[in-house]
Protein backbone atom coordinates (compact mmCIF):
# COMPACT_ATOMS: atom_id res chain seq x y z
CA MET A 1 274.60 92.09 170.44
CA ASN A 2 277.77 89.88 168.36
CA ARG A 3 277.25 87.80 165.97
CA SER A 4 277.26 84.19 167.99
CA LYS A 5 274.62 85.96 170.51
CA HIS A 6 272.41 86.71 166.86
CA LEU A 7 272.86 83.09 165.85
CA LEU A 8 272.14 81.65 169.22
CA LEU A 9 268.77 83.91 169.72
CA ALA A 10 267.53 83.06 166.05
CA THR A 11 268.55 78.87 166.59
CA ALA A 12 266.52 79.49 170.20
CA VAL A 13 263.25 81.01 168.29
CA ALA A 14 263.46 78.44 165.28
CA ALA A 15 263.21 75.89 167.85
CA ALA A 16 260.70 77.08 169.86
CA LEU A 17 258.27 77.39 166.81
CA ALA A 18 259.11 74.10 165.44
CA ALA A 19 258.36 72.94 169.30
CA ALA A 20 254.70 74.91 169.32
CA GLY A 21 253.80 73.58 165.77
CA ALA A 22 254.55 69.80 166.67
CA ALA A 23 252.25 70.74 169.45
CA GLN A 24 249.11 71.62 167.71
CA ALA A 25 245.89 69.94 167.33
CA GLU A 26 245.11 67.61 164.59
CA THR A 27 242.65 69.61 162.69
CA THR A 28 241.13 69.03 159.12
CA LEU A 29 238.52 71.37 157.62
CA PHE A 30 235.90 69.51 155.11
CA GLY A 31 233.10 70.47 152.77
CA ARG A 32 231.08 69.44 149.75
CA ALA A 33 228.68 71.56 147.53
CA GLY A 34 226.32 69.04 145.93
CA MET A 35 224.22 71.17 143.38
CA ALA A 36 221.61 69.38 140.61
CA VAL A 37 219.83 70.46 137.83
CA VAL A 38 216.43 69.89 137.62
CA ASN A 39 214.35 69.56 134.45
CA SER A 40 210.57 69.32 135.34
CA ASP A 41 207.93 67.91 132.46
CA GLY A 42 205.02 70.62 133.91
CA PHE A 43 202.72 69.48 137.11
CA PRO A 44 199.28 67.66 136.41
CA GLY A 45 196.43 70.29 136.10
CA GLY A 46 199.52 72.62 135.22
CA ASN A 47 200.12 74.27 132.13
CA GLY A 48 202.30 71.61 130.98
CA ASN A 49 205.39 74.10 130.23
CA HIS A 50 209.26 72.94 130.73
CA ALA A 51 211.02 74.20 133.32
CA TRP A 52 214.94 73.87 134.27
CA ASP A 53 215.87 74.74 137.97
CA VAL A 54 219.42 74.55 140.05
CA ARG A 55 218.50 73.10 143.72
CA ALA A 56 221.14 72.23 146.19
CA ASP A 57 221.35 68.79 147.19
CA ASP A 58 223.41 67.98 150.62
CA SER A 59 226.09 70.82 150.59
CA TYR A 60 228.06 71.37 154.07
CA ILE A 61 231.22 72.09 155.75
CA GLY A 62 232.74 71.24 158.64
CA VAL A 63 235.63 70.98 160.85
CA GLU A 64 236.87 68.02 162.40
CA GLY A 65 240.26 67.56 164.73
CA LYS A 66 241.66 65.60 167.84
CA GLU A 67 244.09 67.30 170.60
CA ASP A 68 246.47 64.97 172.74
CA LEU A 69 245.97 65.69 176.27
CA GLY A 70 248.84 63.75 177.65
CA GLY A 71 248.44 60.52 179.86
CA GLY A 72 247.06 58.56 176.90
CA LEU A 73 244.18 61.07 176.97
CA SER A 74 243.11 62.99 173.77
CA ALA A 75 239.79 65.28 172.95
CA VAL A 76 238.06 64.42 169.71
CA TYR A 77 235.59 67.34 168.20
CA PHE A 78 233.52 67.44 165.10
CA TYR A 79 231.12 69.80 163.94
CA LYS A 80 229.35 69.85 160.49
CA PHE A 81 226.76 72.71 158.84
CA VAL A 82 224.55 72.43 156.24
CA VAL A 83 225.20 74.99 153.70
CA ASN A 84 222.36 76.52 151.40
CA ALA A 85 224.28 76.44 148.35
CA ASP A 86 221.52 77.53 145.92
CA GLY A 87 220.59 80.27 147.53
CA SER A 88 217.29 79.15 148.68
CA ALA A 89 215.68 81.45 151.13
CA SER A 90 215.13 79.50 154.14
CA GLY A 91 215.92 82.31 156.46
CA GLN A 92 219.83 81.14 157.14
CA PRO A 93 222.63 80.16 154.72
CA PHE A 94 223.90 77.82 157.26
CA ASP A 95 222.11 75.30 159.94
CA GLN A 96 223.99 72.77 162.29
CA LYS A 97 223.73 69.23 161.47
């Protein structure tokens, strides 16, 4: 191929990639890792010892977005998972919310 054909091919590929990027859905990945350090002074009837504990406090991760379907229509999606950030033994690190 000569130089002008290479330039034309490169321009066509760049235009195709730009168009594909513009047509992609708007997607957002979001989340929160909430942790709490708790000090307990003992329990009624217990031995009265103090204890420190790290606990999960509403940790989650999710994805949401919008896809233009054309003709004034759009599809919207939202999915959120609860995350056990403290390693608690609930059986599963993720749960849907």
